[in-house]
Amino acid sequence: MANYILLMTLTPEGREKALADPERVVRAGHETRVEGVQGLGLYGVLGPYDFIGIVEAPDNDAAARYSMQLGVKAMVHITTLPAVPVALLQDKSGGDDTILTTGAEAGPGDRGDPVA
């Protein structure tokens, strides 16, 4: 399973609906169902995006289907980014492996959840 970051901005119509029903995006996230995709978090943010979502999906195709369905239901534009744990980006060939050791330490196949 892989993690994906969903960067969301409300459409003009979505903004109007959000004023009348602020829980619309949250409900849309709960109602959007794609096999194998699980929502891990939804955050309202400041800056160029209105919301950021984190999902776990078996592959890019499932993540894309989820993103498309959520965008329609929540009335948001979504940019979907695959998220790779930093530890998986390390050069395993014997080079300097201290370069990318910040954040979660994950081995191949690990999700990269933060270490407590």
N, C-alpha and C. Protein backbone atom coordinates (compact mmCIF):
# COMPACT_ATOMS: atom_id res chain seq x y z
N MET A 1 0.84 -1.18 0.00
CA MET A 1 0.00 0.00 0.00
C MET A 1 0.88 1.24 0.00
N ALA A 2 0.40 2.27 -0.65
CA ALA A 2 1.15 3.53 -0.73
C ALA A 2 0.28 4.67 -0.20
N ASN A 3 0.94 5.71 0.26
CA ASN A 3 0.24 6.90 0.73
C ASN A 3 0.21 7.95 -0.38
N TYR A 4 -0.87 8.73 -0.40
CA TYR A 4 -1.05 9.79 -1.37
C TYR A 4 -1.51 11.04 -0.65
N ILE A 5 -1.00 12.20 -1.09
CA ILE A 5 -1.40 13.49 -0.56
C ILE A 5 -2.36 14.12 -1.58
N LEU A 6 -3.51 14.58 -1.11
CA LEU A 6 -4.50 15.22 -1.97
C LEU A 6 -4.56 16.70 -1.60
N LEU A 7 -4.13 17.55 -2.52
CA LEU A 7 -4.17 19.01 -2.33
C LEU A 7 -5.47 19.51 -2.94
N MET A 8 -6.35 20.10 -2.13
CA MET A 8 -7.70 20.43 -2.58
C MET A 8 -8.00 21.93 -2.49
N THR A 9 -8.64 22.43 -3.55
CA THR A 9 -9.17 23.80 -3.54
C THR A 9 -10.64 23.72 -3.93
N LEU A 10 -11.46 24.45 -3.21
CA LEU A 10 -12.88 24.48 -3.52
C LEU A 10 -13.12 25.14 -4.87
N THR A 11 -14.06 24.59 -5.63
CA THR A 11 -14.50 25.24 -6.86
C THR A 11 -15.36 26.45 -6.45
N PRO A 12 -15.64 27.38 -7.38
CA PRO A 12 -16.53 28.49 -7.02
C PRO A 12 -17.87 28.01 -6.45
N GLU A 13 -18.45 27.01 -7.08
CA GLU A 13 -19.72 26.46 -6.57
C GLU A 13 -19.50 25.78 -5.22
N GLY A 14 -18.36 25.11 -5.07
CA GLY A 14 -18.03 24.46 -3.80
C GLY A 14 -17.90 25.44 -2.66
N ARG A 15 -17.36 26.63 -2.94
CA ARG A 15 -17.24 27.67 -1.91
C ARG A 15 -18.62 28.09 -1.40
N GLU A 16 -19.54 28.30 -2.33
CA GLU A 16 -20.89 28.70 -1.94
C GLU A 16 -21.56 27.61 -1.11
N LYS A 17 -21.40 26.36 -1.53
CA LYS A 17 -22.00 25.24 -0.80
C LYS A 17 -21.35 25.09 0.58
N ALA A 18 -20.04 25.34 0.67
CA ALA A 18 -19.33 25.20 1.94
C ALA A 18 -19.81 26.23 2.96
N LEU A 19 -20.19 27.41 2.50
CA LEU A 19 -20.72 28.42 3.42
C LEU A 19 -22.04 27.95 4.03
N ALA A 20 -22.87 27.31 3.23
CA ALA A 20 -24.16 26.83 3.71
C ALA A 20 -24.03 25.52 4.49
N ASP A 21 -23.03 24.70 4.14
CA ASP A 21 -22.87 23.37 4.75
C ASP A 21 -21.38 23.08 4.93
N PRO A 22 -20.77 23.58 6.02
CA PRO A 22 -19.33 23.43 6.22
C PRO A 22 -18.85 21.97 6.31
N GLU A 23 -19.72 21.04 6.64
CA GLU A 23 -19.33 19.63 6.77
C GLU A 23 -19.35 18.88 5.44
N ARG A 24 -19.66 19.56 4.35
CA ARG A 24 -19.81 18.91 3.05
C ARG A 24 -18.56 18.12 2.64
N VAL A 25 -17.39 18.71 2.77
CA VAL A 25 -16.16 18.04 2.35
C VAL A 25 -15.89 16.82 3.22
N VAL A 26 -16.11 16.95 4.52
CA VAL A 26 -15.90 15.82 5.43
C VAL A 26 -16.84 14.67 5.07
N ARG A 27 -18.12 14.99 4.85
CA ARG A 27 -19.08 13.96 4.47
C ARG A 27 -18.70 13.30 3.15
N ALA A 28 -18.28 14.12 2.19
CA ALA A 28 -17.89 13.57 0.88
C ALA A 28 -16.73 12.59 1.04
N GLY A 29 -15.79 12.91 1.92
CA GLY A 29 -14.68 12.00 2.17
C GLY A 29 -15.14 10.67 2.74
N HIS A 30 -16.12 10.71 3.65
CA HIS A 30 -16.64 9.47 4.25
C HIS A 30 -17.48 8.68 3.25
N GLU A 31 -18.15 9.37 2.34
CA GLU A 31 -19.04 8.71 1.39
C GLU A 31 -18.32 8.19 0.15
N THR A 32 -17.13 8.67 -0.12
CA THR A 32 -16.39 8.24 -1.31
C THR A 32 -15.77 6.87 -1.04
N ARG A 33 -16.14 5.90 -1.86
CA ARG A 33 -15.67 4.53 -1.67
C ARG A 33 -14.99 4.02 -2.94
N VAL A 34 -13.74 3.65 -2.81
CA VAL A 34 -13.01 2.96 -3.87
C VAL A 34 -12.32 1.79 -3.20
N GLU A 35 -12.46 0.60 -3.76
CA GLU A 35 -11.91 -0.60 -3.14
C GLU A 35 -10.42 -0.44 -2.84
N GLY A 36 -10.06 -0.72 -1.60
CA GLY A 36 -8.66 -0.68 -1.19
C GLY A 36 -8.16 0.68 -0.74
N VAL A 37 -8.96 1.73 -0.90
CA VAL A 37 -8.53 3.08 -0.53
C VAL A 37 -9.10 3.43 0.85
N GLN A 38 -8.22 3.91 1.72
CA GLN A 38 -8.62 4.29 3.07
C GLN A 38 -8.16 5.72 3.35
N GLY A 39 -9.08 6.55 3.82
CA GLY A 39 -8.72 7.91 4.23
C GLY A 39 -7.97 7.88 5.54
N LEU A 40 -6.83 8.57 5.61
CA LEU A 40 -6.03 8.61 6.83
C LEU A 40 -6.16 9.94 7.55
N GLY A 41 -6.55 10.99 6.83
CA GLY A 41 -6.68 12.29 7.47
C GLY A 41 -7.15 13.34 6.49
N LEU A 42 -7.86 14.34 7.02
CA LEU A 42 -8.31 15.48 6.24
C LEU A 42 -8.07 16.72 7.08
N TYR A 43 -7.40 17.71 6.50
CA TYR A 43 -7.01 18.91 7.23
C TYR A 43 -7.41 20.16 6.46
N GLY A 44 -7.98 21.12 7.16
CA GLY A 44 -8.17 22.45 6.60
C GLY A 44 -6.86 23.20 6.77
N VAL A 45 -6.42 23.91 5.74
CA VAL A 45 -5.11 24.57 5.79
C VAL A 45 -5.21 26.02 5.30
N LEU A 46 -4.20 26.78 5.65
CA LEU A 46 -4.06 28.15 5.16
C LEU A 46 -3.13 28.13 3.95
N GLY A 47 -3.26 29.08 3.06
CA GLY A 47 -2.37 29.15 1.90
C GLY A 47 -3.14 28.88 0.62
N PRO A 48 -2.46 28.39 -0.40
CA PRO A 48 -3.10 28.24 -1.71
C PRO A 48 -4.12 27.10 -1.77
N TYR A 49 -4.14 26.21 -0.78
CA TYR A 49 -5.09 25.10 -0.77
C TYR A 49 -6.07 25.29 0.37
N ASP A 50 -7.27 24.74 0.22
CA ASP A 50 -8.28 24.82 1.27
C ASP A 50 -8.21 23.62 2.20
N PHE A 51 -7.89 22.46 1.64
CA PHE A 51 -7.82 21.22 2.42
C PHE A 51 -6.66 20.38 1.91
N ILE A 52 -6.14 19.54 2.79
CA ILE A 52 -5.16 18.52 2.40
C ILE A 52 -5.66 17.20 2.97
N GLY A 53 -5.73 16.20 2.11
CA GLY A 53 -6.13 14.87 2.54
C GLY A 53 -4.97 13.91 2.39
N ILE A 54 -4.98 12.87 3.21
CA ILE A 54 -3.98 11.81 3.10
C ILE A 54 -4.76 10.50 3.00
N VAL A 55 -4.47 9.72 1.97
CA VAL A 55 -5.12 8.43 1.78
C VAL A 55 -4.08 7.35 1.55
N GLU A 56 -4.49 6.13 1.81
CA GLU A 56 -3.67 4.96 1.51
C GLU A 56 -4.39 4.20 0.42
N ALA A 57 -3.67 3.81 -0.62
CA ALA A 57 -4.28 3.12 -1.75
C ALA A 57 -3.33 2.04 -2.26
N PRO A 58 -3.89 1.00 -2.89
CA PRO A 58 -3.04 -0.08 -3.38
C PRO A 58 -2.19 0.30 -4.59
N ASP A 59 -2.65 1.30 -5.37
CA ASP A 59 -1.89 1.70 -6.56
C ASP A 59 -2.37 3.06 -7.05
N ASN A 60 -1.68 3.59 -8.06
CA ASN A 60 -2.02 4.90 -8.62
C ASN A 60 -3.43 4.93 -9.21
N ASP A 61 -3.85 3.83 -9.83
CA ASP A 61 -5.18 3.80 -10.45
C ASP A 61 -6.27 3.98 -9.41
N ALA A 62 -6.16 3.28 -8.29
CA ALA A 62 -7.16 3.39 -7.22
C ALA A 62 -7.14 4.80 -6.63
N ALA A 63 -5.95 5.35 -6.43
CA ALA A 63 -5.84 6.71 -5.90
C ALA A 63 -6.47 7.72 -6.85
N ALA A 64 -6.28 7.54 -8.15
CA ALA A 64 -6.86 8.45 -9.14
C ALA A 64 -8.38 8.35 -9.15
N ARG A 65 -8.91 7.13 -9.07
CA ARG A 65 -10.38 6.96 -9.03
C ARG A 65 -10.96 7.64 -7.79
N TYR A 66 -10.30 7.44 -6.65
CA TYR A 66 -10.77 8.07 -5.41
C TYR A 66 -10.74 9.59 -5.54
N SER A 67 -9.64 10.11 -6.05
CA SER A 67 -9.48 11.55 -6.20
C SER A 67 -10.56 12.13 -7.11
N MET A 68 -10.85 11.45 -8.20
CA MET A 68 -11.86 11.94 -9.13
C MET A 68 -13.25 11.93 -8.49
N GLN A 69 -13.58 10.84 -7.82
CA GLN A 69 -14.90 10.75 -7.18
C GLN A 69 -15.04 11.78 -6.06
N LEU A 70 -14.00 11.94 -5.25
CA LEU A 70 -14.05 12.92 -4.17
C LEU A 70 -14.19 14.33 -4.71
N GLY A 71 -13.47 14.63 -5.78
CA GLY A 71 -13.55 15.96 -6.38
C GLY A 71 -14.95 16.32 -6.82
N VAL A 72 -15.66 15.35 -7.41
CA VAL A 72 -17.03 15.58 -7.86
C VAL A 72 -17.96 15.77 -6.66
N LYS A 73 -17.86 14.88 -5.67
CA LYS A 73 -18.76 14.94 -4.51
C LYS A 73 -18.51 16.16 -3.63
N ALA A 74 -17.25 16.53 -3.44
CA ALA A 74 -16.92 17.63 -2.54
C ALA A 74 -16.84 18.97 -3.24
N MET A 75 -16.94 18.95 -4.58
CA MET A 75 -16.82 20.18 -5.38
C MET A 75 -15.47 20.86 -5.14
N VAL A 76 -14.41 20.07 -5.33
CA VAL A 76 -13.05 20.57 -5.16
C VAL A 76 -12.20 20.16 -6.36
N HIS A 77 -11.20 20.97 -6.66
CA HIS A 77 -10.15 20.59 -7.60
C HIS A 77 -9.08 19.89 -6.77
N ILE A 78 -8.57 18.75 -7.26
CA ILE A 78 -7.60 17.98 -6.48
C ILE A 78 -6.34 17.73 -7.29
N THR A 79 -5.20 17.97 -6.66
CA THR A 79 -3.91 17.54 -7.18
C THR A 79 -3.47 16.39 -6.29
N THR A 80 -3.26 15.21 -6.87
CA THR A 80 -2.92 14.02 -6.10
C THR A 80 -1.44 13.71 -6.28
N LEU A 81 -0.74 13.58 -5.16
CA LEU A 81 0.70 13.32 -5.17
C LEU A 81 1.01 12.01 -4.47
N PRO A 82 1.74 11.09 -5.13
CA PRO A 82 2.20 9.91 -4.40
C PRO A 82 3.24 10.34 -3.38
N ALA A 83 3.16 9.79 -2.17
CA ALA A 83 4.10 10.16 -1.10
C ALA A 83 5.03 8.98 -0.83
N VAL A 84 6.32 9.21 -0.98
CA VAL A 84 7.33 8.18 -0.79
C VAL A 84 8.06 8.46 0.52
N PRO A 85 8.09 7.49 1.46
CA PRO A 85 8.86 7.71 2.69
C PRO A 85 10.31 8.07 2.37
N VAL A 86 10.82 9.08 3.04
CA VAL A 86 12.17 9.57 2.75
C VAL A 86 13.20 8.46 2.86
N ALA A 87 13.03 7.56 3.80
CA ALA A 87 14.01 6.48 3.98
C ALA A 87 14.12 5.60 2.74
N LEU A 88 13.05 5.51 1.95
CA LEU A 88 13.10 4.69 0.73
C LEU A 88 13.88 5.37 -0.39
N LEU A 89 14.17 6.66 -0.24
CA LEU A 89 14.92 7.39 -1.25
C LEU A 89 16.43 7.28 -1.05
N GLN A 90 16.83 6.67 0.05
CA GLN A 90 18.26 6.56 0.33
C GLN A 90 18.96 5.67 -0.68
N ASP A 91 20.21 6.01 -0.94
CA ASP A 91 21.06 5.20 -1.82
C ASP A 91 21.55 4.00 -1.02
N LYS A 92 21.10 2.81 -1.38
CA LYS A 92 21.46 1.58 -0.66
C LYS A 92 22.75 0.96 -1.19
N SER A 93 23.44 1.63 -2.12
CA SER A 93 24.62 1.04 -2.74
C SER A 93 25.90 1.29 -1.96
N GLY A 94 25.78 1.81 -0.75
CA GLY A 94 26.98 2.02 0.06
C GLY A 94 27.44 3.46 0.10
N GLY A 95 26.69 4.36 -0.54
CA GLY A 95 27.03 5.78 -0.50
C GLY A 95 26.69 6.37 0.85
N ASP A 96 26.69 7.67 0.93
CA ASP A 96 26.39 8.37 2.17
C ASP A 96 24.90 8.23 2.46
N ASP A 97 24.55 7.35 3.40
CA ASP A 97 23.15 7.13 3.70
C ASP A 97 22.64 8.01 4.83
N THR A 98 23.39 9.03 5.20
CA THR A 98 22.92 9.96 6.22
C THR A 98 22.21 11.16 5.59
N ILE A 99 22.21 11.25 4.27
CA ILE A 99 21.65 12.41 3.59
C ILE A 99 20.15 12.52 3.81
N LEU A 100 19.43 11.42 3.67
CA LEU A 100 17.97 11.46 3.73
C LEU A 100 17.44 10.64 4.91
N THR A 101 17.84 10.97 6.11
CA THR A 101 17.37 10.19 7.25
C THR A 101 16.43 10.95 8.16
N THR A 102 15.92 12.08 7.71
CA THR A 102 14.97 12.82 8.54
C THR A 102 13.59 12.22 8.40
N GLY A 103 12.74 12.42 9.38
CA GLY A 103 11.38 11.92 9.32
C GLY A 103 11.31 10.45 9.65
N ALA A 104 10.28 9.80 9.15
CA ALA A 104 10.05 8.40 9.46
C ALA A 104 11.09 7.53 8.77
N GLU A 105 11.58 6.55 9.48
CA GLU A 105 12.53 5.59 8.93
C GLU A 105 11.74 4.37 8.48
N ALA A 106 11.73 4.09 7.20
CA ALA A 106 10.95 2.98 6.67
C ALA A 106 11.81 2.11 5.80
N GLY A 107 11.57 0.83 5.88
CA GLY A 107 12.23 -0.10 4.99
C GLY A 107 11.34 -0.36 3.79
N PRO A 108 11.82 -1.10 2.80
CA PRO A 108 11.00 -1.41 1.63
C PRO A 108 9.69 -2.07 2.06
N GLY A 109 8.59 -1.56 1.56
CA GLY A 109 7.28 -2.09 1.90
C GLY A 109 6.63 -1.44 3.10
N ASP A 110 7.39 -0.69 3.89
CA ASP A 110 6.82 0.00 5.05
C ASP A 110 6.06 1.22 4.57
N ARG A 111 5.08 1.65 5.36
CA ARG A 111 4.28 2.82 5.01
C ARG A 111 4.97 4.11 5.38
N GLY A 112 5.94 4.07 6.23
CA GLY A 112 6.62 5.30 6.62
C GLY A 112 5.88 6.06 7.69
N ASP A 113 5.14 5.34 8.55
CA ASP A 113 4.46 6.02 9.65
C ASP A 113 5.49 6.62 10.58
N PRO A 114 5.19 7.78 11.17
CA PRO A 114 6.14 8.42 12.09
C PRO A 114 6.48 7.51 13.25
N VAL A 115 7.72 7.55 13.65
CA VAL A 115 8.20 6.76 14.78
C VAL A 115 7.92 7.54 16.05
N ALA A 116 7.32 6.89 17.04
CA ALA A 116 6.99 7.59 18.30
C ALA A 116 8.21 7.77 19.16
